[in-house]
Amino acid sequence: MDKKVQGFSGGHYGGFANEGHTGPGFAGRGPKGHQDDPITERVSDRLTDDHDVDATDITVDVKNGDVTLTGTVATRLEQRAAEDAVERTPGVREVEDHLRVQPQDAARSRTEKRQG
């Protein structure tokens, strides 16, 4: 069941996940180092399908249902959306968020390097 997060408007935080998202539409951009573990698979799928998370620079590590997220995202809202998406994943007991927020210009530069 999806949960509402109070205090934010639009996208993930204005209602339920993927309902009326207003972000740039990152669905399809999955995390690095995809593995075959069932929980890792579900977490990766959840992040890949989320329109508010560009998981391209996120690494997922799962041990006994405890998930550690490392890497970078462009904004604090994206960081929270990633953590929320993982928390809603069946089999996940706890989420440890080690994501770093890079300024928008750095994230844009990162994308341009990948495309160019």
C-alpha atoms as a PDB file:
ATOM      1  CA  MET A   1       0.000   0.000   0.000  1.00  0.00           C
ATOM      2  CA  ASP A   2       1.331   3.430  -0.918  1.00  0.00           C
ATOM      3  CA  LYS A   3       1.633   6.040   1.799  1.00  0.00           C
ATOM      4  CA  LYS A   4       1.093   9.775   1.702  1.00  0.00           C
ATOM      5  CA  VAL A   5       3.909  12.054   2.777  1.00  0.00           C
ATOM      6  CA  GLN A   6       2.736  15.292   4.353  1.00  0.00           C
ATOM      7  CA  GLY A   7       4.159  18.694   3.522  1.00  0.00           C
ATOM      8  CA  PHE A   8       5.061  18.358  -0.139  1.00  0.00           C
ATOM      9  CA  SER A   9       3.104  19.181  -3.268  1.00  0.00           C
ATOM     10  CA  GLY A  10       3.239  17.546  -6.669  1.00  0.00           C
ATOM     11  CA  GLY A  11       4.938  14.344  -7.753  1.00  0.00           C
ATOM     12  CA  HIS A  12       5.558  11.738  -5.090  1.00  0.00           C
ATOM     13  CA  TYR A  13       4.803  14.114  -2.288  1.00  0.00           C
ATOM     14  CA  GLY A  14       1.431  15.420  -3.376  1.00  0.00           C
ATOM     15  CA  GLY A  15      -0.218  12.017  -3.145  1.00  0.00           C
ATOM     16  CA  PHE A  16       0.501   8.446  -3.955  1.00  0.00           C
ATOM     17  CA  ALA A  17       3.606   7.297  -5.834  1.00  0.00           C
ATOM     18  CA  ASN A  18       3.372   7.718  -9.603  1.00  0.00           C
ATOM     19  CA  GLU A  19       0.011   9.461  -9.315  1.00  0.00           C
ATOM     20  CA  GLY A  20       0.226  12.780 -11.118  1.00  0.00           C
ATOM     21  CA  HIS A  21       3.991  12.973 -11.003  1.00  0.00           C
ATOM     22  CA  THR A  22       5.343  16.344 -12.016  1.00  0.00           C
ATOM     23  CA  GLY A  23       9.030  15.487 -12.257  1.00  0.00           C
ATOM     24  CA  PRO A  24      11.052  15.140 -15.436  1.00  0.00           C
ATOM     25  CA  GLY A  25       9.932  11.520 -15.963  1.00  0.00           C
ATOM     26  CA  PHE A  26      12.833   9.285 -14.985  1.00  0.00           C
ATOM     27  CA  ALA A  27      10.934   5.984 -15.328  1.00  0.00           C
ATOM     28  CA  GLY A  28      13.157   3.449 -17.033  1.00  0.00           C
ATOM     29  CA  ARG A  29      16.439   4.692 -15.533  1.00  0.00           C
ATOM     30  CA  GLY A  30      17.497   1.910 -13.188  1.00  0.00           C
ATOM     31  CA  PRO A  31      20.241   1.635 -10.585  1.00  0.00           C
ATOM     32  CA  LYS A  32      23.815   0.476 -11.148  1.00  0.00           C
ATOM     33  CA  GLY A  33      25.013  -3.089 -10.524  1.00  0.00           C
ATOM     34  CA  HIS A  34      21.655  -4.800 -10.946  1.00  0.00           C
ATOM     35  CA  GLN A  35      21.682  -8.250  -9.237  1.00  0.00           C
ATOM     36  CA  ASP A  36      19.443 -11.328  -9.308  1.00  0.00           C
ATOM     37  CA  ASP A  37      18.570 -11.410  -5.577  1.00  0.00           C
ATOM     38  CA  PRO A  38      14.724 -11.218  -5.319  1.00  0.00           C
ATOM     39  CA  ILE A  39      14.695  -8.210  -2.970  1.00  0.00           C
ATOM     40  CA  THR A  40      17.384  -6.447  -4.995  1.00  0.00           C
ATOM     41  CA  GLU A  41      15.346  -7.175  -8.117  1.00  0.00           C
ATOM     42  CA  ARG A  42      12.185  -5.669  -6.586  1.00  0.00           C
ATOM     43  CA  VAL A  43      14.056  -2.609  -5.267  1.00  0.00           C
ATOM     44  CA  SER A  44      15.726  -2.056  -8.652  1.00  0.00           C
ATOM     45  CA  ASP A  45      12.397  -2.420 -10.456  1.00  0.00           C
ATOM     46  CA  ARG A  46      10.717   0.010  -8.056  1.00  0.00           C
ATOM     47  CA  LEU A  47      13.457   2.626  -8.591  1.00  0.00           C
ATOM     48  CA  THR A  48      13.512   2.057 -12.358  1.00  0.00           C
ATOM     49  CA  ASP A  49       9.731   2.486 -12.651  1.00  0.00           C
ATOM     50  CA  ASP A  50       9.566   5.597 -10.456  1.00  0.00           C
ATOM     51  CA  HIS A  51       8.993   8.771 -12.497  1.00  0.00           C
ATOM     52  CA  ASP A  52      10.503  10.982  -9.779  1.00  0.00           C
ATOM     53  CA  VAL A  53      13.837   9.137  -9.430  1.00  0.00           C
ATOM     54  CA  ASP A  54      16.751   9.003 -11.861  1.00  0.00           C
ATOM     55  CA  ALA A  55      18.428   5.904 -10.427  1.00  0.00           C
ATOM     56  CA  THR A  56      21.242   5.897 -12.996  1.00  0.00           C
ATOM     57  CA  ASP A  57      23.831   6.848 -10.359  1.00  0.00           C
ATOM     58  CA  ILE A  58      22.340   4.862  -7.466  1.00  0.00           C
ATOM     59  CA  THR A  59      23.836   1.593  -6.215  1.00  0.00           C
ATOM     60  CA  VAL A  60      21.634  -0.820  -4.254  1.00  0.00           C
ATOM     61  CA  ASP A  61      23.100  -3.254  -1.714  1.00  0.00           C
ATOM     62  CA  VAL A  62      20.813  -5.719   0.105  1.00  0.00           C
ATOM     63  CA  LYS A  63      21.721  -7.883   3.100  1.00  0.00           C
ATOM     64  CA  ASN A  64      18.985  -9.804   4.931  1.00  0.00           C
ATOM     65  CA  GLY A  65      16.315  -7.337   3.847  1.00  0.00           C
ATOM     66  CA  ASP A  66      18.338  -4.282   4.889  1.00  0.00           C
ATOM     67  CA  VAL A  67      18.904  -2.010   1.884  1.00  0.00           C
ATOM     68  CA  THR A  68      21.752   0.490   1.546  1.00  0.00           C
ATOM     69  CA  LEU A  69      21.483   3.155  -1.148  1.00  0.00           C
ATOM     70  CA  THR A  70      24.689   4.865  -2.276  1.00  0.00           C
ATOM     71  CA  GLY A  71      25.456   7.231  -5.130  1.00  0.00           C
ATOM     72  CA  THR A  72      24.136  10.599  -6.214  1.00  0.00           C
ATOM     73  CA  VAL A  73      20.824  12.265  -7.070  1.00  0.00           C
ATOM     74  CA  ALA A  74      20.077  15.792  -8.280  1.00  0.00           C
ATOM     75  CA  THR A  75      17.764  17.024  -5.490  1.00  0.00           C
ATOM     76  CA  ARG A  76      16.652  16.333  -1.910  1.00  0.00           C
ATOM     77  CA  LEU A  77      13.159  15.558  -3.222  1.00  0.00           C
ATOM     78  CA  GLU A  78      14.630  12.923  -5.529  1.00  0.00           C
ATOM     79  CA  GLN A  79      16.583  11.488  -2.589  1.00  0.00           C
ATOM     80  CA  ARG A  80      13.404  11.261  -0.507  1.00  0.00           C
ATOM     81  CA  ALA A  81      11.454   9.761  -3.398  1.00  0.00           C
ATOM     82  CA  ALA A  82      14.116   7.045  -3.800  1.00  0.00           C
ATOM     83  CA  GLU A  83      14.077   6.227  -0.101  1.00  0.00           C
ATOM     84  CA  ASP A  84      10.265   6.167  -0.019  1.00  0.00           C
ATOM     85  CA  ALA A  85      10.102   3.883  -3.071  1.00  0.00           C
ATOM     86  CA  VAL A  86      12.526   1.429  -1.454  1.00  0.00           C
ATOM     87  CA  GLU A  87      10.677   1.494   1.886  1.00  0.00           C
ATOM     88  CA  ARG A  88       7.469   0.420   0.081  1.00  0.00           C
ATOM     89  CA  THR A  89       9.192  -2.588  -1.512  1.00  0.00           C
ATOM     90  CA  PRO A  90       8.056  -5.997  -0.205  1.00  0.00           C
ATOM     91  CA  GLY A  91      10.790  -7.772   1.771  1.00  0.00           C
ATOM     92  CA  VAL A  92      12.643  -4.589   2.740  1.00  0.00           C
ATOM     93  CA  ARG A  93      13.098  -4.306   6.508  1.00  0.00           C
ATOM     94  CA  GLU A  94      15.186  -1.139   6.725  1.00  0.00           C
ATOM     95  CA  VAL A  95      16.646   1.475   4.377  1.00  0.00           C
ATOM     96  CA  GLU A  96      20.008   3.122   4.978  1.00  0.00           C
ATOM     97  CA  ASP A  97      20.284   6.188   2.776  1.00  0.00           C
ATOM     98  CA  HIS A  98      23.844   7.172   1.824  1.00  0.00           C
ATOM     99  CA  LEU A  99      22.766   9.116  -1.260  1.00  0.00           C
ATOM    100  CA  ARG A 100      24.500  12.435  -1.898  1.00  0.00           C
ATOM    101  CA  VAL A 101      22.727  15.365  -3.490  1.00  0.00           C
ATOM    102  CA  GLN A 102      24.683  17.045  -6.283  1.00  0.00           C
ATOM    103  CA  PRO A 103      23.718  20.500  -7.523  1.00  0.00           C
ATOM    104  CA  GLN A 104      21.525  20.567 -10.633  1.00  0.00           C
ATOM    105  CA  ASP A 105      24.409  21.803 -12.815  1.00  0.00           C
ATOM    106  CA  ALA A 106      26.562  18.833 -11.790  1.00  0.00           C
ATOM    107  CA  ALA A 107      23.733  16.405 -12.519  1.00  0.00           C
ATOM    108  CA  ARG A 108      23.130  18.017 -15.914  1.00  0.00           C
ATOM    109  CA  SER A 109      26.839  17.774 -16.719  1.00  0.00           C
ATOM    110  CA  ARG A 110      26.793  14.105 -15.701  1.00  0.00           C
ATOM    111  CA  THR A 111      23.923  13.417 -18.127  1.00  0.00           C
ATOM    112  CA  GLU A 112      25.587  15.336 -20.965  1.00  0.00           C
ATOM    113  CA  LYS A 113      28.784  13.293 -20.558  1.00  0.00           C
ATOM    114  CA  ARG A 114      26.758  10.078 -20.837  1.00  0.00           C
ATOM    115  CA  GLN A 115      24.948  11.255 -23.966  1.00  0.00           C
ATOM    116  CA  GLY A 116      27.943  12.892 -25.671  1.00  0.00           C
END
